Structures are given as C-alpha cells and as structure tokens.
C-alpha cells in the first residue's frame, strides 16, 4: 500500500469563472491556459508568452487576493509594493475581468439585502455584521460575503467527491482507503496492483462531481508517504 493524492486544481478560481460568467476567465479555463500567466498578461499588458516568473507570482497573489476581497492596502502588503500601485493592479484586473467586478458587486448587494451569503448548493452563511457601523467589522464581513460562495462551494464539491469516491470504492471492492482530506486534496492508501484503476476512478469522480461552465481539473500524484507525494 502507498499514498495517492488527488487535488482539485485551482478550484476556487474555476468556481469564480462559473459564478461570474466572465468571458476571459471562462475562455482561459476552456483552453487550459495558465490562469496566473493570463492574468499577468492582462494586468501588465504583455503577450502571455512574454510573462516572466515574477509577473506570474504577482498575478497569482492578485487572483487570490480578489477572491478574498483584499483591499489595495492588503494587496500592497502581500506584494511588498505601494498601495497606489496595488490599487492600479486591482483597477486593471477589473477592466479585464468585468464579469468578476459585476459578480462581486452583486454578491455584496445580495448579502446586504438577505443577511447571508450562499454556496451553489444553497448552504448559507449568515452575516449579522454586514451593516455594522464599525468599518473594520463591516469590511471583514463584506469580504466573507464575496468569498463564501467560492470557498464554501469548493468545500461542498470536495465533500461530494468524497461521498462519490467512497461509494465507488465499495461498489468495486477496491483495496483502497480514503485517509485524509486537506482543503482541496484527498489522500488515499491504495495497492500497487489496483493503482491505475483506482487513479482513473478517483480522477473521474472528482472531475465530474459538479457540472460547471468550465471543466474541473484534477492532478493526481503517488508516493510512499504524503511528503513524498508533495
């Protein structure tokens, strides 16, 4: 027996593409582009083949910063740059990803009206401080309103995948055990004899667990232990 690990690749950004219906994001995922390189290309206004590793690293921070509702100041702290420059990056991002801007504005408005944010499977997170007079508390709650449908749906998807995979393991009588979930990763113990069959099944179940506008993508690795797999 050895450890196998399956990871849903860039799951929150894929959910963002589905929820926002942003054409640039959707096209990038359908063409299996490097989404961080694509963002760097859009923000720094260079052809994607001219994107440098430092540009891509900054774009990655920006992509995930947008998901978590990060302010220009917060982004500047992550990038080690001036808040004015960080604000320029955010502005350029929203010029290129207009669907994301609309989605965020709509999410905030619905959260303020309803008092909660909701995942794709209609799981609610109540936000009692969305109208707080305390700006720090209110802004933190607004970030939750933006992020909950993304991070919450990602959590829903991984849990659905766990159920479907375990059911299939039982149906096929595979000598495999699901031993751990870590965010968007599932870790298994499986026999070498049934390795390829197990990998194929896990990948299929994880990639088809929910029907979205863009494909879900799973990366699977194997090794004798979790550290070796990573």
Protein backbone atom coordinates (compact mmCIF):
# COMPACT_ATOMS: atom_id res chain seq x y z
CA UNK A 1 0.00 0.00 0.00
CA UNK A 2 1.14 3.56 -0.70
CA UNK A 3 -0.24 7.05 -0.56
CA UNK A 4 -2.04 8.60 -3.52
CA UNK A 5 -3.30 12.15 -3.51
CA UNK A 6 -5.84 13.87 -5.76
CA UNK A 7 -6.18 17.63 -5.84
CA UNK A 8 -8.84 19.79 -7.46
CA UNK A 9 -6.74 22.23 -9.46
CA UNK A 10 -7.45 25.96 -8.92
CA UNK A 11 -10.95 25.06 -7.76
CA UNK A 12 -11.91 28.46 -6.30
CA UNK A 13 -10.87 30.33 -9.45
CA UNK A 14 -12.88 27.86 -11.54
CA UNK A 15 -15.91 28.44 -9.32
CA UNK A 16 -15.35 32.19 -9.74
CA UNK A 17 -15.42 31.73 -13.52
CA UNK A 18 -18.69 29.80 -13.27
CA UNK A 19 -20.42 32.22 -10.90
CA UNK A 20 -19.23 35.40 -12.62
CA UNK A 21 -19.58 34.07 -16.18
CA UNK A 22 -16.61 36.25 -17.01
CA UNK A 23 -15.71 35.54 -20.64
CA UNK A 24 -11.95 35.95 -20.19
CA UNK A 25 -11.82 33.53 -17.27
CA UNK A 26 -14.11 31.00 -18.95
CA UNK A 27 -12.12 31.08 -22.20
CA UNK A 28 -8.84 30.69 -20.30
CA UNK A 29 -10.05 27.58 -18.47
CA UNK A 30 -11.64 26.06 -21.58
CA UNK A 31 -8.31 26.46 -23.39
CA UNK A 32 -6.41 25.07 -20.38
CA UNK A 33 -4.34 28.23 -20.08
CA UNK A 34 -2.16 29.07 -17.10
CA UNK A 35 -4.67 31.38 -15.39
CA UNK A 36 -1.98 33.25 -13.43
CA UNK A 37 0.01 33.87 -16.61
CA UNK A 38 -3.18 35.02 -18.33
CA UNK A 39 -3.89 37.50 -15.51
CA UNK A 40 -0.29 38.74 -15.63
CA UNK A 41 -0.65 39.24 -19.38
CA UNK A 42 -3.84 41.25 -18.90
CA UNK A 43 -2.64 43.38 -15.98
CA UNK A 44 0.90 44.08 -17.20
CA UNK A 45 -0.26 44.37 -20.82
CA UNK A 46 2.26 41.99 -22.34
CA UNK A 47 1.74 38.92 -24.55
CA UNK A 48 1.26 35.79 -22.47
CA UNK A 49 4.48 34.28 -23.83
CA UNK A 50 6.36 37.34 -22.50
CA UNK A 51 5.13 36.91 -18.92
CA UNK A 52 8.09 36.46 -16.55
CA UNK A 53 8.07 34.31 -13.38
CA UNK A 54 7.95 37.43 -11.13
CA UNK A 55 4.97 38.75 -13.12
CA UNK A 56 3.19 35.41 -12.75
CA UNK A 57 3.87 35.32 -8.99
CA UNK A 58 2.37 38.80 -8.57
CA UNK A 59 -0.63 37.85 -10.71
CA UNK A 60 -1.20 34.77 -8.54
CA UNK A 61 -1.34 36.96 -5.44
CA UNK A 62 -3.77 39.29 -7.24
CA UNK A 63 -6.01 36.42 -8.41
CA UNK A 64 -6.38 35.03 -4.90
CA UNK A 65 -6.49 38.49 -3.36
CA UNK A 66 -9.59 39.28 -5.43
CA UNK A 67 -11.25 36.07 -4.21
CA UNK A 68 -10.68 37.09 -0.60
CA UNK A 69 -11.84 40.67 -1.16
CA UNK A 70 -8.41 42.06 -0.43
CA UNK A 71 -8.05 45.85 -0.30
CA UNK A 72 -5.33 47.79 -2.09
CA UNK A 73 -3.51 48.12 1.23
CA UNK A 74 -3.74 44.38 1.93
CA UNK A 75 -2.55 43.57 -1.58
CA UNK A 76 0.33 46.01 -1.25
CA UNK A 77 1.44 44.22 1.93
CA UNK A 78 1.38 40.87 0.12
CA UNK A 79 3.30 42.21 -2.88
CA UNK A 80 5.65 44.47 -0.94
CA UNK A 81 4.68 47.49 -3.01
CA UNK A 82 2.99 50.88 -2.64
CA UNK A 83 -0.81 50.83 -2.06
CA UNK A 84 -1.26 53.14 -5.06
CA UNK A 85 0.47 50.60 -7.30
CA UNK A 86 -1.63 47.80 -5.78
CA UNK A 87 -4.78 49.82 -6.49
CA UNK A 88 -3.63 50.19 -10.11
CA UNK A 89 -3.31 46.40 -10.34
CA UNK A 90 -6.82 45.94 -8.94
CA UNK A 91 -8.23 48.52 -11.34
CA UNK A 92 -6.52 46.83 -14.31
CA UNK A 93 -7.83 43.45 -13.15
CA UNK A 94 -11.42 44.65 -13.11
CA UNK A 95 -11.02 46.34 -16.51
CA UNK A 96 -10.08 42.97 -17.99
CA UNK A 97 -12.38 40.79 -15.88
CA UNK A 98 -15.56 42.86 -15.97
CA UNK A 99 -17.73 39.85 -15.15
CA UNK A 100 -15.85 39.39 -11.88
CA UNK A 101 -16.48 43.02 -10.91
CA UNK A 102 -20.20 42.61 -11.62
CA UNK A 103 -20.30 39.35 -9.66
CA UNK A 104 -18.62 40.91 -6.61
CA UNK A 105 -20.94 43.92 -6.66
CA UNK A 106 -23.96 41.64 -6.97
CA UNK A 107 -22.73 39.35 -4.16
CA UNK A 108 -22.31 42.29 -1.80
CA UNK A 109 -25.73 43.72 -2.65
CA UNK A 110 -27.47 40.35 -2.14
CA UNK A 111 -25.64 39.78 1.15
CA UNK A 112 -26.75 43.20 2.40
CA UNK A 113 -30.35 42.52 1.39
CA UNK A 114 -30.56 38.93 2.64
CA UNK A 115 -28.18 38.98 5.59
CA UNK A 116 -26.36 35.88 4.34
CA UNK A 117 -24.17 34.52 1.54
CA UNK A 118 -24.85 31.18 -0.10
CA UNK A 119 -22.93 28.40 -1.87
CA UNK A 120 -24.01 26.84 -5.17
CA UNK A 121 -25.67 24.06 -3.16
CA UNK A 122 -27.65 26.68 -1.20
CA UNK A 123 -25.71 26.31 2.04
CA UNK A 124 -25.99 29.62 3.88
CA UNK A 125 -23.52 31.61 5.92
CA UNK A 126 -25.31 34.26 7.92
CA UNK A 127 -23.63 37.67 8.10
CA UNK A 128 -25.12 39.62 11.02
CA UNK A 129 -22.39 42.28 10.86
CA UNK A 130 -22.88 43.19 7.18
CA UNK A 131 -24.40 46.55 8.26
CA UNK A 132 -22.13 47.11 11.26
CA UNK A 133 -21.34 50.78 11.99
CA UNK A 134 -17.80 49.64 12.78
CA UNK A 135 -15.97 49.94 9.44
CA UNK A 136 -13.38 47.27 10.25
CA UNK A 137 -16.03 44.71 11.20
CA UNK A 138 -18.26 45.64 8.26
CA UNK A 139 -15.45 45.37 5.73
CA UNK A 140 -14.36 42.00 7.12
CA UNK A 141 -17.96 40.79 6.76
CA UNK A 142 -18.11 42.09 3.20
CA UNK A 143 -15.02 40.04 2.40
CA UNK A 144 -16.85 36.99 3.80
CA UNK A 145 -19.80 37.78 1.52
CA UNK A 146 -17.52 37.75 -1.51
CA UNK A 147 -15.55 34.67 -0.53
CA UNK A 148 -18.22 32.39 0.95
CA UNK A 149 -19.86 31.35 -2.36
CA UNK A 150 -16.39 30.49 -3.70
CA UNK A 151 -14.68 28.84 -0.75
CA UNK A 152 -17.96 27.35 0.50
CA UNK A 153 -18.79 25.81 -2.86
CA UNK A 154 -15.25 24.39 -3.06
CA UNK A 155 -15.85 22.75 0.33
CA UNK A 156 -19.20 21.39 -0.91
CA UNK A 157 -17.57 19.93 -4.02
CA UNK A 158 -14.77 18.15 -2.15
CA UNK A 159 -17.27 16.62 0.28
CA UNK A 160 -19.48 15.42 -2.57
CA UNK A 161 -16.41 13.91 -4.23
CA UNK A 162 -15.55 12.08 -1.00
CA UNK A 163 -19.00 10.50 -0.88
CA UNK A 164 -18.99 9.50 -4.55
CA UNK A 165 -15.47 8.06 -4.39
CA UNK A 166 -16.14 6.06 -1.23
CA UNK A 167 -19.35 4.66 -2.74
CA UNK A 168 -17.41 3.60 -5.85
CA UNK A 169 -14.61 2.03 -3.79
CA UNK A 170 -17.26 -0.06 -2.02
CA UNK A 171 -19.02 -0.99 -5.29
CA UNK A 172 -15.80 -2.12 -6.98
CA UNK A 173 -14.36 -3.73 -3.85
CA UNK A 174 -11.10 -1.83 -4.36
CA UNK A 175 -8.33 -2.29 -1.77
CA UNK A 176 -8.15 1.48 -1.23
CA UNK A 177 -8.82 3.68 1.78
CA UNK A 178 -9.55 7.39 1.92
CA UNK A 179 -7.42 8.51 4.84
CA UNK A 180 -7.40 12.30 4.82
CA UNK A 181 -8.88 15.47 3.32
CA UNK A 182 -6.75 18.64 3.26
CA UNK A 183 -8.66 21.59 1.78
CA UNK A 184 -8.91 20.72 -1.94
CA UNK A 185 -6.91 17.49 -1.61
CA UNK A 186 -7.89 13.90 -0.88
CA UNK A 187 -5.32 11.37 0.29
CA UNK A 188 -5.72 7.62 -0.18
CA UNK A 189 -3.91 4.39 0.53
CA UNK A 190 -4.09 2.02 -2.42
CA UNK A 191 -2.47 -1.22 -3.57
CA UNK A 192 0.02 -1.18 -6.44
CA UNK A 193 -1.96 -3.95 -8.16
CA UNK A 194 -5.08 -1.78 -8.49
CA UNK A 195 -3.24 1.53 -8.74
CA UNK A 196 -4.23 2.59 -12.26
CA UNK A 197 -7.84 1.51 -11.81
CA UNK A 198 -8.04 3.46 -8.56
CA UNK A 199 -6.44 6.59 -10.04
CA UNK A 200 -8.77 6.56 -13.05
CA UNK A 201 -11.82 6.22 -10.83
CA UNK A 202 -10.73 8.98 -8.43
CA UNK A 203 -9.97 11.39 -11.27
CA UNK A 204 -13.30 10.68 -12.95
CA UNK A 205 -15.33 11.19 -9.78
CA UNK A 206 -13.55 14.38 -8.79
CA UNK A 207 -13.77 15.93 -12.26
CA UNK A 208 -17.46 15.10 -12.79
CA UNK A 209 -18.79 15.73 -9.28
CA UNK A 210 -20.48 19.01 -10.32
CA UNK A 211 -21.47 20.35 -13.71
CA UNK A 212 -19.97 23.83 -14.13
CA UNK A 213 -19.47 26.18 -17.07
CA UNK A 214 -15.82 25.23 -17.11
CA UNK A 215 -14.12 21.85 -16.59
CA UNK A 216 -12.92 20.75 -13.20
CA UNK A 217 -9.34 19.56 -13.37
CA UNK A 218 -7.63 17.13 -11.01
CA UNK A 219 -3.92 16.47 -10.51
CA UNK A 220 -3.02 13.08 -9.03
CA UNK A 221 0.34 12.04 -7.62
CA UNK A 222 1.57 8.97 -5.80
CA UNK A 223 4.32 8.05 -3.37
CA UNK A 224 5.15 6.07 -0.28
CA UNK A 225 4.01 8.88 2.04
CA UNK A 226 2.35 12.29 1.89
CA UNK A 227 5.65 14.19 1.98
CA UNK A 228 6.96 12.21 -0.99
CA UNK A 229 3.75 12.83 -2.92
CA UNK A 230 4.20 16.58 -2.48
